[in-house]
């Protein structure tokens, strides 16, 4: 487990070095004795900006998928991208949202629906 932590940090660092314009509000690494570790990145900003930042991360990952979580804690919804860094390390990128950001979305969503929703939210950053 302890040897896994430096590998995760190195993998995240190499990925960001390859893509220096990626936004990171915070980065966590975790490892257990059970399986390979993972990296979790949080992006920040108003809805349009955080959605654009999440999409930018998505574009740099392999085997990515999108998820909009509203049911687990309706006061703390979040958009997420799951994927792999350049070296194959599992990563989750999280954009926290406000309750107002997901009004009218009654349940969790995955895939293309979320991708379309993220793009529609991110358009505001191009207009502003």
N, C-alpha and C. Protein backbone atom coordinates (compact mmCIF):
# COMPACT_ATOMS: atom_id res chain seq x y z
N UNK A 1 0.82 -1.19 0.00
CA UNK A 1 0.00 0.00 0.00
C UNK A 1 0.87 1.26 0.00
N UNK A 2 1.90 1.31 0.82
CA UNK A 2 2.71 2.52 0.93
C UNK A 2 3.46 2.81 -0.36
N UNK A 3 3.88 1.78 -1.05
CA UNK A 3 4.59 1.98 -2.32
C UNK A 3 3.66 2.52 -3.40
N UNK A 4 2.38 2.28 -3.24
CA UNK A 4 1.39 2.73 -4.21
C UNK A 4 1.21 4.25 -4.20
N UNK A 5 1.34 4.87 -3.04
CA UNK A 5 1.11 6.31 -2.93
C UNK A 5 2.06 7.13 -3.80
N UNK A 6 3.38 6.90 -3.76
CA UNK A 6 4.26 7.67 -4.65
C UNK A 6 3.96 7.43 -6.13
N UNK A 7 3.56 6.21 -6.48
CA UNK A 7 3.21 5.92 -7.87
C UNK A 7 2.01 6.75 -8.31
N UNK A 8 1.00 6.85 -7.45
CA UNK A 8 -0.19 7.62 -7.76
C UNK A 8 0.14 9.10 -7.92
N UNK A 9 0.95 9.61 -7.02
CA UNK A 9 1.35 11.02 -7.09
C UNK A 9 2.14 11.28 -8.37
N UNK A 10 3.04 10.38 -8.70
CA UNK A 10 3.84 10.52 -9.93
C UNK A 10 2.96 10.48 -11.16
N UNK A 11 2.01 9.58 -11.17
CA UNK A 11 1.09 9.46 -12.31
C UNK A 11 0.28 10.74 -12.50
N UNK A 12 -0.25 11.28 -11.39
CA UNK A 12 -1.02 12.52 -11.46
C UNK A 12 -0.13 13.67 -11.93
N UNK A 13 1.07 13.74 -11.39
CA UNK A 13 2.00 14.82 -11.76
C UNK A 13 2.37 14.74 -13.24
N UNK A 14 2.64 13.55 -13.74
CA UNK A 14 2.98 13.39 -15.15
C UNK A 14 1.82 13.81 -16.05
N UNK A 15 0.61 13.47 -15.64
CA UNK A 15 -0.56 13.82 -16.43
C UNK A 15 -0.73 15.34 -16.50
N UNK A 16 -0.60 15.99 -15.36
CA UNK A 16 -0.73 17.45 -15.32
C UNK A 16 0.43 18.12 -16.06
N UNK A 17 1.62 17.54 -15.99
CA UNK A 17 2.75 18.09 -16.74
C UNK A 17 2.48 18.03 -18.24
N UNK A 18 1.80 16.97 -18.69
CA UNK A 18 1.44 16.82 -20.11
C UNK A 18 0.31 17.77 -20.51
N UNK A 19 -0.51 18.15 -19.54
CA UNK A 19 -1.67 19.01 -19.77
C UNK A 19 -1.65 20.15 -18.73
N UNK A 20 -0.73 21.10 -18.86
CA UNK A 20 -0.54 22.10 -17.81
C UNK A 20 -1.70 23.08 -17.61
N UNK A 21 -2.63 23.11 -18.54
CA UNK A 21 -3.76 24.03 -18.39
C UNK A 21 -4.95 23.41 -17.65
N UNK A 22 -4.81 22.20 -17.14
CA UNK A 22 -5.87 21.58 -16.34
C UNK A 22 -5.98 22.30 -14.99
N UNK A 23 -7.21 22.50 -14.56
CA UNK A 23 -7.46 23.15 -13.28
C UNK A 23 -7.54 22.10 -12.18
N UNK A 24 -6.91 22.42 -11.04
CA UNK A 24 -6.99 21.55 -9.86
C UNK A 24 -7.26 22.43 -8.65
N UNK A 25 -8.40 22.22 -8.00
CA UNK A 25 -8.67 22.89 -6.74
C UNK A 25 -8.06 22.08 -5.60
N UNK A 26 -8.18 20.76 -5.70
CA UNK A 26 -7.54 19.85 -4.74
C UNK A 26 -7.33 18.50 -5.40
N UNK A 27 -6.38 17.75 -4.85
CA UNK A 27 -6.05 16.44 -5.38
C UNK A 27 -5.82 15.51 -4.21
N UNK A 28 -6.46 14.35 -4.26
CA UNK A 28 -6.30 13.33 -3.22
C UNK A 28 -5.85 12.04 -3.87
N UNK A 29 -5.04 11.28 -3.16
CA UNK A 29 -4.68 9.94 -3.60
C UNK A 29 -5.06 8.98 -2.48
N UNK A 30 -5.49 7.79 -2.87
CA UNK A 30 -5.83 6.80 -1.85
C UNK A 30 -5.40 5.43 -2.32
N UNK A 31 -4.97 4.63 -1.37
CA UNK A 31 -4.55 3.26 -1.66
C UNK A 31 -4.96 2.37 -0.50
N UNK A 32 -5.27 1.14 -0.84
CA UNK A 32 -5.60 0.13 0.17
C UNK A 32 -4.83 -1.14 -0.13
N UNK A 33 -4.92 -2.09 0.76
CA UNK A 33 -4.29 -3.39 0.52
C UNK A 33 -5.10 -4.23 -0.46
N UNK A 34 -6.32 -3.81 -0.77
CA UNK A 34 -7.25 -4.61 -1.56
C UNK A 34 -6.96 -4.55 -3.06
N UNK A 35 -6.63 -3.37 -3.59
CA UNK A 35 -6.43 -3.25 -5.03
C UNK A 35 -5.64 -2.00 -5.36
N UNK A 36 -5.60 -1.68 -6.64
CA UNK A 36 -4.84 -0.49 -7.03
C UNK A 36 -5.46 0.78 -6.46
N UNK A 37 -4.62 1.76 -6.23
CA UNK A 37 -5.09 3.02 -5.69
C UNK A 37 -5.76 3.86 -6.76
N UNK A 38 -6.19 5.04 -6.33
CA UNK A 38 -6.84 5.95 -7.26
C UNK A 38 -6.56 7.39 -6.89
N UNK A 39 -6.77 8.24 -7.87
CA UNK A 39 -6.59 9.68 -7.70
C UNK A 39 -7.96 10.33 -7.79
N UNK A 40 -8.19 11.33 -6.95
CA UNK A 40 -9.42 12.12 -7.03
C UNK A 40 -9.04 13.59 -7.12
N UNK A 41 -9.56 14.24 -8.15
CA UNK A 41 -9.30 15.65 -8.39
C UNK A 41 -10.61 16.41 -8.25
N UNK A 42 -10.55 17.56 -7.59
CA UNK A 42 -11.71 18.44 -7.50
C UNK A 42 -11.40 19.71 -8.28
N UNK A 43 -12.37 20.14 -9.08
CA UNK A 43 -12.28 21.42 -9.77
C UNK A 43 -13.25 22.37 -9.07
N UNK A 44 -13.06 23.66 -9.27
CA UNK A 44 -13.91 24.62 -8.58
C UNK A 44 -14.35 25.72 -9.54
N UNK A 45 -15.20 26.58 -9.03
CA UNK A 45 -15.67 27.71 -9.80
C UNK A 45 -17.18 27.72 -9.89
N UNK A 46 -17.73 28.81 -10.43
CA UNK A 46 -19.17 28.83 -10.70
C UNK A 46 -19.54 27.69 -11.65
N UNK A 47 -20.83 27.36 -11.71
CA UNK A 47 -21.29 26.21 -12.49
C UNK A 47 -20.69 26.14 -13.89
N UNK A 48 -20.81 27.20 -14.66
CA UNK A 48 -20.32 27.17 -16.04
C UNK A 48 -18.83 26.89 -16.09
N UNK A 49 -18.08 27.52 -15.22
CA UNK A 49 -16.63 27.35 -15.22
C UNK A 49 -16.23 25.96 -14.74
N UNK A 50 -16.85 25.47 -13.68
CA UNK A 50 -16.50 24.14 -13.19
C UNK A 50 -16.89 23.05 -14.19
N UNK A 51 -18.01 23.23 -14.89
CA UNK A 51 -18.40 22.26 -15.92
C UNK A 51 -17.41 22.28 -17.08
N UNK A 52 -16.97 23.47 -17.47
CA UNK A 52 -15.96 23.57 -18.54
C UNK A 52 -14.66 22.91 -18.11
N UNK A 53 -14.27 23.12 -16.87
CA UNK A 53 -13.04 22.51 -16.36
C UNK A 53 -13.16 20.99 -16.31
N UNK A 54 -14.33 20.49 -15.94
CA UNK A 54 -14.55 19.06 -15.90
C UNK A 54 -14.47 18.46 -17.31
N UNK A 55 -15.06 19.14 -18.27
CA UNK A 55 -15.00 18.68 -19.66
C UNK A 55 -13.56 18.69 -20.18
N UNK A 56 -12.80 19.68 -19.78
CA UNK A 56 -11.40 19.74 -20.21
C UNK A 56 -10.63 18.54 -19.66
N UNK A 57 -10.86 18.21 -18.41
CA UNK A 57 -10.24 17.01 -17.84
C UNK A 57 -10.67 15.77 -18.63
N UNK A 58 -11.95 15.67 -18.92
CA UNK A 58 -12.47 14.52 -19.65
C UNK A 58 -11.74 14.31 -20.96
N UNK A 59 -11.44 15.41 -21.65
CA UNK A 59 -10.77 15.34 -22.94
C UNK A 59 -9.35 14.79 -22.84
N UNK A 60 -8.77 14.77 -21.64
CA UNK A 60 -7.39 14.29 -21.49
C UNK A 60 -7.32 12.86 -20.96
N UNK A 61 -8.46 12.29 -20.62
CA UNK A 61 -8.49 10.96 -20.00
C UNK A 61 -8.85 9.88 -21.02
N UNK A 62 -8.39 8.68 -20.75
CA UNK A 62 -8.83 7.55 -21.56
C UNK A 62 -9.95 6.82 -20.81
N UNK A 63 -10.77 6.12 -21.57
CA UNK A 63 -11.86 5.31 -21.02
C UNK A 63 -12.73 6.10 -20.04
N UNK A 64 -13.14 7.29 -20.45
CA UNK A 64 -13.88 8.16 -19.54
C UNK A 64 -15.39 7.91 -19.60
N UNK A 65 -16.04 8.21 -18.49
CA UNK A 65 -17.50 8.17 -18.41
C UNK A 65 -17.94 9.31 -17.50
N UNK A 66 -19.18 9.75 -17.68
CA UNK A 66 -19.68 10.89 -16.92
C UNK A 66 -20.86 10.48 -16.04
N UNK A 67 -21.00 11.21 -14.95
CA UNK A 67 -22.03 10.89 -13.97
C UNK A 67 -22.47 12.17 -13.28
N UNK A 68 -23.76 12.37 -13.18
CA UNK A 68 -24.32 13.51 -12.44
C UNK A 68 -25.07 12.94 -11.24
N UNK A 69 -24.59 13.25 -10.05
CA UNK A 69 -25.17 12.70 -8.83
C UNK A 69 -26.01 13.76 -8.13
N UNK A 70 -27.30 13.49 -8.02
CA UNK A 70 -28.19 14.41 -7.32
C UNK A 70 -28.97 13.72 -6.20
N UNK A 71 -29.07 12.40 -6.23
CA UNK A 71 -29.92 11.69 -5.28
C UNK A 71 -29.27 11.47 -3.92
N UNK A 72 -27.99 11.19 -3.86
CA UNK A 72 -27.33 10.83 -2.60
C UNK A 72 -27.44 11.95 -1.57
N UNK A 73 -27.25 13.18 -2.01
CA UNK A 73 -27.36 14.34 -1.13
C UNK A 73 -27.83 15.52 -1.98
N UNK A 74 -29.14 15.73 -2.08
CA UNK A 74 -29.67 16.78 -2.95
C UNK A 74 -29.12 18.18 -2.66
N UNK A 75 -28.61 18.41 -1.46
CA UNK A 75 -28.02 19.70 -1.14
C UNK A 75 -26.58 19.81 -1.65
N UNK A 76 -26.00 18.70 -2.02
CA UNK A 76 -24.61 18.69 -2.50
C UNK A 76 -24.47 17.88 -3.79
N UNK A 77 -25.15 18.27 -4.87
CA UNK A 77 -25.00 17.52 -6.11
C UNK A 77 -23.60 17.72 -6.68
N UNK A 78 -23.20 16.80 -7.55
CA UNK A 78 -21.89 16.93 -8.18
C UNK A 78 -21.88 16.22 -9.52
N UNK A 79 -21.06 16.76 -10.41
CA UNK A 79 -20.81 16.13 -11.69
C UNK A 79 -19.44 15.47 -11.60
N UNK A 80 -19.33 14.29 -12.19
CA UNK A 80 -18.07 13.55 -12.10
C UNK A 80 -17.69 12.94 -13.44
N UNK A 81 -16.39 12.83 -13.63
CA UNK A 81 -15.84 12.10 -14.76
C UNK A 81 -14.93 11.03 -14.17
N UNK A 82 -15.14 9.80 -14.62
CA UNK A 82 -14.27 8.69 -14.24
C UNK A 82 -13.43 8.35 -15.47
N UNK A 83 -12.17 8.06 -15.27
CA UNK A 83 -11.34 7.71 -16.40
C UNK A 83 -9.97 7.24 -15.95
N UNK A 84 -9.04 7.29 -16.90
CA UNK A 84 -7.66 6.84 -16.66
C UNK A 84 -6.69 7.94 -17.06
N UNK A 85 -5.69 8.16 -16.20
CA UNK A 85 -4.62 9.09 -16.53
C UNK A 85 -3.73 8.46 -17.60
N UNK A 86 -2.75 9.21 -18.07
CA UNK A 86 -1.87 8.72 -19.13
C UNK A 86 -1.25 7.37 -18.83
N UNK A 87 -0.85 7.13 -17.58
CA UNK A 87 -0.24 5.86 -17.22
C UNK A 87 -1.22 4.77 -16.87
N UNK A 88 -2.51 5.00 -17.03
CA UNK A 88 -3.52 3.99 -16.74
C UNK A 88 -4.08 4.06 -15.32
N UNK A 89 -3.63 5.00 -14.52
CA UNK A 89 -4.12 5.14 -13.15
C UNK A 89 -5.57 5.63 -13.15
N UNK A 90 -6.41 4.99 -12.33
CA UNK A 90 -7.81 5.38 -12.23
C UNK A 90 -7.91 6.76 -11.57
N UNK A 91 -8.80 7.59 -12.13
CA UNK A 91 -9.00 8.94 -11.60
C UNK A 91 -10.48 9.28 -11.64
N UNK A 92 -10.90 10.02 -10.64
CA UNK A 92 -12.24 10.61 -10.60
C UNK A 92 -12.05 12.11 -10.50
N UNK A 93 -12.69 12.85 -11.40
CA UNK A 93 -12.64 14.30 -11.36
C UNK A 93 -14.04 14.78 -10.97
N UNK A 94 -14.10 15.62 -9.95
CA UNK A 94 -15.37 16.02 -9.35
C UNK A 94 -15.56 17.53 -9.45
N UNK A 95 -16.75 17.93 -9.90
CA UNK A 95 -17.14 19.34 -9.91
C UNK A 95 -18.33 19.48 -8.98
N UNK A 96 -18.12 20.02 -7.78
CA UNK A 96 -19.24 20.24 -6.88
C UNK A 96 -20.21 21.26 -7.48
N UNK A 97 -21.49 21.04 -7.28
CA UNK A 97 -22.52 21.94 -7.78
C UNK A 97 -23.38 22.41 -6.62
N UNK A 98 -24.18 23.41 -6.87
CA UNK A 98 -25.11 23.85 -5.83
C UNK A 98 -26.48 23.22 -6.10
N UNK A 99 -27.30 23.25 -5.10
CA UNK A 99 -28.65 22.69 -5.22
C UNK A 99 -29.41 23.36 -6.37
N UNK A 100 -29.21 24.67 -6.54
CA UNK A 100 -29.89 25.43 -7.60
C UNK A 100 -29.44 24.98 -9.00
N UNK A 101 -28.21 24.48 -9.10
CA UNK A 101 -27.68 24.07 -10.40
C UNK A 101 -28.42 22.87 -10.99
N UNK A 102 -29.05 22.09 -10.14
CA UNK A 102 -29.68 20.86 -10.62
C UNK A 102 -31.19 20.84 -10.42
N UNK A 103 -31.78 22.01 -10.25
CA UNK A 103 -33.24 22.08 -10.14
C UNK A 103 -33.85 21.49 -11.42
N UNK A 104 -34.83 20.63 -11.25
CA UNK A 104 -35.50 20.01 -12.39
C UNK A 104 -34.87 18.70 -12.82
N UNK A 105 -33.79 18.30 -12.18
CA UNK A 105 -33.17 17.00 -12.48
C UNK A 105 -33.51 16.08 -11.31
N UNK A 106 -34.50 15.19 -11.49
CA UNK A 106 -35.04 14.44 -10.36
C UNK A 106 -34.19 13.25 -9.91
N UNK A 107 -33.26 12.80 -10.75
CA UNK A 107 -32.51 11.59 -10.38
C UNK A 107 -31.10 11.65 -10.95
N UNK A 108 -30.25 10.75 -10.51
CA UNK A 108 -28.89 10.65 -11.02
C UNK A 108 -28.93 10.32 -12.51
N UNK A 109 -27.93 10.80 -13.22
CA UNK A 109 -27.83 10.54 -14.67
C UNK A 109 -26.43 10.09 -15.01
N UNK A 110 -26.32 9.34 -16.12
CA UNK A 110 -25.01 8.88 -16.59
C UNK A 110 -24.90 9.09 -18.10
N UNK A 111 -23.67 9.01 -18.58
CA UNK A 111 -23.40 8.95 -20.01
C UNK A 111 -23.66 10.20 -20.82
N UNK A 112 -24.21 9.98 -22.01
CA UNK A 112 -24.39 11.05 -22.99
C UNK A 112 -25.29 12.17 -22.47
N UNK A 113 -26.30 11.85 -21.69
CA UNK A 113 -27.16 12.88 -21.15
C UNK A 113 -26.33 13.87 -20.32
N UNK A 114 -25.45 13.34 -19.47
CA UNK A 114 -24.61 14.18 -18.62
C UNK A 114 -23.62 14.98 -19.47
N UNK A 115 -23.05 14.34 -20.46
CA UNK A 115 -22.10 15.03 -21.34
C UNK A 115 -22.78 16.22 -22.02
N UNK A 116 -23.98 16.02 -22.52
CA UNK A 116 -24.73 17.10 -23.14
C UNK A 116 -25.04 18.20 -22.12
N UNK A 117 -25.47 17.82 -20.91
CA UNK A 117 -25.78 18.80 -19.86
C UNK A 117 -24.53 19.61 -19.50
N UNK A 118 -23.39 18.94 -19.35
CA UNK A 118 -22.15 19.65 -19.03
C UNK A 118 -21.79 20.65 -20.12
N UNK A 119 -21.93 20.23 -21.35
CA UNK A 119 -21.62 21.14 -22.47
C UNK A 119 -22.54 22.34 -22.48
N UNK A 120 -23.82 22.12 -22.20
CA UNK A 120 -24.77 23.24 -22.17
C UNK A 120 -24.42 24.22 -21.04
N UNK A 121 -23.99 23.71 -19.90
CA UNK A 121 -23.61 24.58 -18.79
C UNK A 121 -22.33 25.34 -19.12
N UNK A 122 -21.39 24.66 -19.75
CA UNK A 122 -20.08 25.25 -20.05
C UNK A 122 -20.17 26.34 -21.11
N UNK A 123 -21.22 26.32 -21.94
CA UNK A 123 -21.37 27.32 -22.99
C UNK A 123 -21.36 28.73 -22.39
N UNK A 124 -21.87 28.87 -21.18
CA UNK A 124 -21.91 30.17 -20.52
C UNK A 124 -20.51 30.78 -20.38
N UNK A 125 -19.47 29.96 -20.24
CA UNK A 125 -18.12 30.51 -20.10
C UNK A 125 -17.62 31.08 -21.43
N UNK A 126 -18.11 30.53 -22.54
CA UNK A 126 -17.72 31.04 -23.84
C UNK A 126 -18.42 32.35 -24.16
N UNK A 127 -19.64 32.50 -23.67
CA UNK A 127 -20.42 33.71 -23.92
C UNK A 127 -19.93 34.86 -23.04
N UNK A 128 -19.57 34.53 -21.80
CA UNK A 128 -19.17 35.59 -20.86
C UNK A 128 -17.82 36.20 -21.19
